[in-house]
Amino acid sequence: METENKKILLVEDDQNFGAILKDYLVLNDFDVTLAKNGMEGFEKFKKDTFDLCILDVMMPYKDGYTLAKEIREKNTEIPIIFLTAKALKEDVLKGYKVGADDYLNKPFDSEVLLMKIQAIIQRKTVDTLADSKQFEFTIGEFSLNSKLRFLTHNDEKPAKLSPKENELLRLLILHENDLMPREIALTKIWRDDNYFTSRS
C-alpha cells in the first residue's frame, strides 16, 4: 500500500498524545500537519491540501463535529476519522451524520488506526480510478471500447461484451500491473460484497 507523501491533518488538543501520534504516522511515511484545536485545524486545512483528516472530538474553542462540518463545506470528498473518549451511541451517530468515514475510541491500538487510514485512502484512490471517464483502451492486440462494450482483436469483427464482463475488464485494465482486490469488483459492479455475491 503506497502511503508515502499522503498528507494528513491531525487535530488533537492533548499535545503529548498529538505529538506521539504524529511521530508514529510520520514513521509510517505520512506527511502530518498537527493542530492543537479546532480553530487552528480549520486555518491549516484552508491553507493546504490533505488526503485525510484525523479529528479529536472534544476540543476547546471548536469541537471535532463543528470542524468536520466546516471541512465538509469546503471538501465533500476528504476522508475524516474521529478520535474520541466518548463511546456513547449518540456521539458515534452524530459523527457519522457530519460525514465521518470512521470512528476510533480512545485508547486505541495505533496499528488499528494505521490499517483504517490505509483502507480508507486505498478505497478513495480506487473510487477515483474506477470513476474516471476513460473508455477506450488497448491491451496487447486487443482494444476495448467500454462505452459501446466492444472488444476487438486486431482488425477482426468486434465482440459485444455483457455489461458485467465489460465493467470487469475495464477495472482490470485500470489496475494494469497491479492487484485488484475482489471487493472492488464486487462493490463497483455488483454493488454488493456479501458471501453469495462473491461466488460470482
Protein backbone atom coordinates (compact mmCIF):
# COMPACT_ATOMS: atom_id res chain seq x y z
CA MET A 1 0.00 0.00 0.00
CA GLU A 2 1.51 3.27 -1.13
CA THR A 3 1.10 5.86 1.63
CA GLU A 4 4.28 7.84 1.14
CA ASN A 5 3.66 11.59 0.89
CA LYS A 6 -0.04 11.20 1.69
CA LYS A 7 -0.89 14.29 3.72
CA ILE A 8 -2.82 14.02 6.97
CA LEU A 9 -4.27 16.84 9.06
CA LEU A 10 -4.22 15.72 12.71
CA VAL A 11 -6.22 17.91 15.11
CA GLU A 12 -5.68 16.91 18.76
CA ASP A 13 -5.73 19.16 21.84
CA ASP A 14 -3.72 16.76 24.04
CA GLN A 15 -0.29 17.95 22.94
CA ASN A 16 1.65 14.94 24.25
CA PHE A 17 -0.70 12.43 22.64
CA GLY A 18 -0.81 14.51 19.44
CA ALA A 19 2.99 14.61 19.19
CA ILE A 20 3.30 10.83 19.77
CA LEU A 21 0.60 10.07 17.18
CA LYS A 22 2.18 12.43 14.66
CA ASP A 23 5.60 10.78 15.11
CA TYR A 24 4.05 7.32 14.66
CA LEU A 25 2.33 8.35 11.40
CA VAL A 26 5.49 10.07 10.11
CA LEU A 27 7.42 6.84 10.80
CA ASN A 28 4.87 5.13 8.55
CA ASP A 29 5.63 7.52 5.65
CA PHE A 30 2.78 10.02 6.08
CA ASP A 31 3.25 13.78 5.87
CA VAL A 32 1.45 15.01 9.01
CA THR A 33 0.35 18.53 10.00
CA LEU A 34 -0.61 18.80 13.69
CA ALA A 35 -3.05 21.40 15.04
CA LYS A 36 -3.85 21.78 18.74
CA ASN A 37 -7.50 22.86 18.49
CA GLY A 38 -10.40 23.13 16.04
CA MET A 39 -9.82 26.77 15.11
CA GLU A 40 -6.16 26.18 14.31
CA GLY A 41 -7.12 22.97 12.50
CA PHE A 42 -9.51 24.78 10.16
CA GLU A 43 -6.96 27.52 9.40
CA LYS A 44 -4.39 24.86 8.46
CA PHE A 45 -6.97 22.98 6.41
CA LYS A 46 -7.74 26.11 4.35
CA LYS A 47 -4.05 26.74 3.62
CA ASP A 48 -3.09 23.28 2.35
CA THR A 49 -4.38 20.18 0.55
CA PHE A 50 -4.78 16.99 2.57
CA ASP A 51 -5.61 13.36 1.77
CA LEU A 52 -7.25 12.64 5.14
CA CYS A 53 -8.22 14.34 8.43
CA ILE A 54 -8.00 12.84 11.92
CA LEU A 55 -10.04 14.91 14.38
CA ASP A 56 -10.36 14.69 18.14
CA VAL A 57 -13.99 15.19 19.17
CA MET A 58 -13.57 17.03 22.49
CA MET A 59 -11.52 20.19 21.92
CA PRO A 60 -11.58 23.77 23.21
CA TYR A 61 -12.76 26.70 21.01
CA LYS A 62 -14.25 24.39 18.37
CA ASP A 63 -15.12 20.70 18.76
CA GLY A 64 -14.45 17.97 16.20
CA TYR A 65 -18.06 17.86 14.94
CA THR A 66 -18.10 21.59 14.17
CA LEU A 67 -14.71 21.35 12.50
CA ALA A 68 -15.86 18.36 10.41
CA LYS A 69 -18.91 20.34 9.21
CA GLU A 70 -16.69 23.24 8.14
CA ILE A 71 -14.28 20.86 6.38
CA ARG A 72 -17.20 19.17 4.59
CA GLU A 73 -18.43 22.57 3.34
CA LYS A 74 -15.04 23.09 1.70
CA ASN A 75 -14.41 19.49 0.59
CA THR A 76 -17.13 16.83 0.39
CA GLU A 77 -14.73 14.01 -0.53
CA ILE A 78 -11.88 14.14 2.01
CA PRO A 79 -11.96 11.20 4.46
CA ILE A 80 -12.45 12.05 8.15
CA ILE A 81 -11.63 9.82 11.13
CA PHE A 82 -12.84 10.85 14.58
CA LEU A 83 -10.91 10.08 17.77
CA THR A 84 -12.95 10.18 20.95
CA ALA A 85 -13.00 9.19 24.60
CA LYS A 86 -16.81 9.11 24.37
CA ALA A 87 -18.20 5.75 23.32
CA LEU A 88 -21.88 6.72 23.51
CA LYS A 89 -24.01 5.58 20.58
CA GLU A 90 -25.43 9.13 20.14
CA ASP A 91 -21.91 10.56 19.75
CA VAL A 92 -20.94 7.93 17.19
CA LEU A 93 -24.13 8.58 15.20
CA LYS A 94 -23.53 12.32 15.39
CA GLY A 95 -20.03 11.77 13.98
CA TYR A 96 -21.34 9.79 11.01
CA LYS A 97 -24.06 12.38 10.39
CA VAL A 98 -21.47 15.14 9.96
CA GLY A 99 -19.56 12.99 7.47
CA ALA A 100 -17.15 10.74 9.37
CA ASP A 101 -15.64 7.83 7.44
CA ASP A 102 -14.61 6.06 10.63
CA TYR A 103 -14.52 6.36 14.40
CA LEU A 104 -11.94 5.24 16.99
CA ASN A 105 -12.45 5.22 20.75
CA LYS A 106 -9.51 6.19 22.96
CA PRO A 107 -7.41 4.41 24.00
CA PHE A 108 -6.87 2.62 20.70
CA ASP A 109 -4.23 0.44 19.08
CA SER A 110 -2.11 2.61 16.77
CA GLU A 111 -1.81 -0.29 14.30
CA VAL A 112 -5.60 -0.41 14.01
CA LEU A 113 -5.61 3.31 13.18
CA LEU A 114 -2.91 2.73 10.58
CA MET A 115 -4.91 -0.07 8.92
CA LYS A 116 -8.05 2.12 8.88
CA ILE A 117 -6.13 5.01 7.28
CA GLN A 118 -4.63 2.74 4.62
CA ALA A 119 -8.00 1.13 3.85
CA ILE A 120 -9.76 4.50 3.51
CA ILE A 121 -7.03 6.01 1.31
CA GLN A 122 -6.97 2.90 -0.89
CA ARG A 123 -10.77 2.97 -1.21
CA LYS A 124 -10.76 6.65 -2.20
CA THR A 125 -7.97 6.07 -4.74
CA VAL A 126 -9.86 3.13 -6.26
CA ASP A 127 -13.11 5.14 -6.41
CA THR A 128 -11.33 7.93 -8.28
CA LEU A 129 -9.73 5.44 -10.67
CA ALA A 130 -12.91 3.45 -11.30
CA ASP A 131 -14.95 6.61 -11.81
CA SER A 132 -12.56 8.02 -14.39
CA LYS A 133 -14.12 8.93 -17.74
CA GLN A 134 -11.67 6.94 -19.91
CA PHE A 135 -13.49 4.40 -22.08
CA GLU A 136 -11.04 3.44 -24.88
CA PHE A 137 -8.22 1.02 -24.00
CA THR A 138 -5.55 -1.02 -25.77
CA ILE A 139 -4.38 -4.33 -24.26
CA GLY A 140 -1.76 -6.01 -26.42
CA GLU A 141 -3.54 -6.92 -29.69
CA PHE A 142 -6.96 -6.15 -28.21
CA SER A 143 -8.84 -2.88 -28.00
CA LEU A 144 -11.80 -2.20 -25.73
CA ASN A 145 -14.44 0.46 -26.14
CA SER A 146 -16.21 0.28 -22.77
CA LYS A 147 -18.88 2.79 -23.83
CA LEU A 148 -20.06 0.56 -26.70
CA ARG A 149 -18.93 -2.65 -24.88
CA PHE A 150 -16.91 -3.75 -27.95
CA LEU A 151 -13.78 -5.90 -27.58
CA THR A 152 -11.78 -6.10 -30.82
CA HIS A 153 -8.79 -8.32 -31.68
CA ASN A 154 -6.61 -6.67 -34.33
CA ASP A 155 -8.93 -5.90 -37.28
CA GLU A 156 -11.41 -8.68 -36.62
CA LYS A 157 -15.11 -8.13 -36.06
CA PRO A 158 -15.73 -6.71 -32.55
CA ALA A 159 -17.26 -8.95 -29.90
CA LYS A 160 -20.06 -7.44 -27.82
CA LEU A 161 -19.49 -7.93 -24.07
CA SER A 162 -22.19 -8.21 -21.43
CA PRO A 163 -22.42 -5.18 -19.08
CA LYS A 164 -20.68 -7.03 -16.22
CA GLU A 165 -17.97 -8.51 -18.48
CA ASN A 166 -17.34 -5.02 -19.82
CA GLU A 167 -17.07 -3.40 -16.37
CA LEU A 168 -14.86 -6.18 -15.03
CA LEU A 169 -12.45 -5.98 -17.98
CA ARG A 170 -12.34 -2.18 -17.68
CA LEU A 171 -11.50 -2.38 -13.95
CA LEU A 172 -8.77 -4.96 -14.62
CA ILE A 173 -7.24 -2.71 -17.31
CA LEU A 174 -7.33 0.28 -14.95
CA HIS A 175 -5.35 -1.86 -12.45
CA GLU A 176 -2.80 -2.96 -15.06
CA ASN A 177 0.35 -4.46 -13.49
CA ASP A 178 -1.29 -4.22 -10.06
CA LEU A 179 -3.52 -6.34 -7.83
CA MET A 180 -7.23 -5.60 -7.96
CA PRO A 181 -8.95 -6.74 -4.75
CA ARG A 182 -12.08 -8.80 -5.37
CA GLU A 183 -14.08 -6.48 -3.07
CA ILE A 184 -13.54 -3.60 -5.51
CA ALA A 185 -15.11 -5.51 -8.39
CA LEU A 186 -17.99 -6.67 -6.20
CA THR A 187 -18.86 -3.21 -4.90
CA LYS A 188 -18.28 -1.40 -8.21
CA ILE A 189 -20.02 -3.91 -10.49
CA TRP A 190 -22.38 -5.96 -8.31
CA ARG A 191 -22.89 -3.12 -5.73
CA ASP A 192 -22.53 -5.75 -3.02
CA ASP A 193 -19.75 -7.81 -1.46
CA ASN A 194 -21.61 -10.40 0.60
CA TYR A 195 -20.73 -14.11 0.54
CA PHE A 196 -23.27 -15.12 -2.13
CA THR A 197 -22.36 -12.32 -4.50
CA SER A 198 -18.66 -13.09 -4.03
CA ARG A 199 -19.23 -16.55 -5.51
CA SER A 200 -19.75 -14.74 -8.83
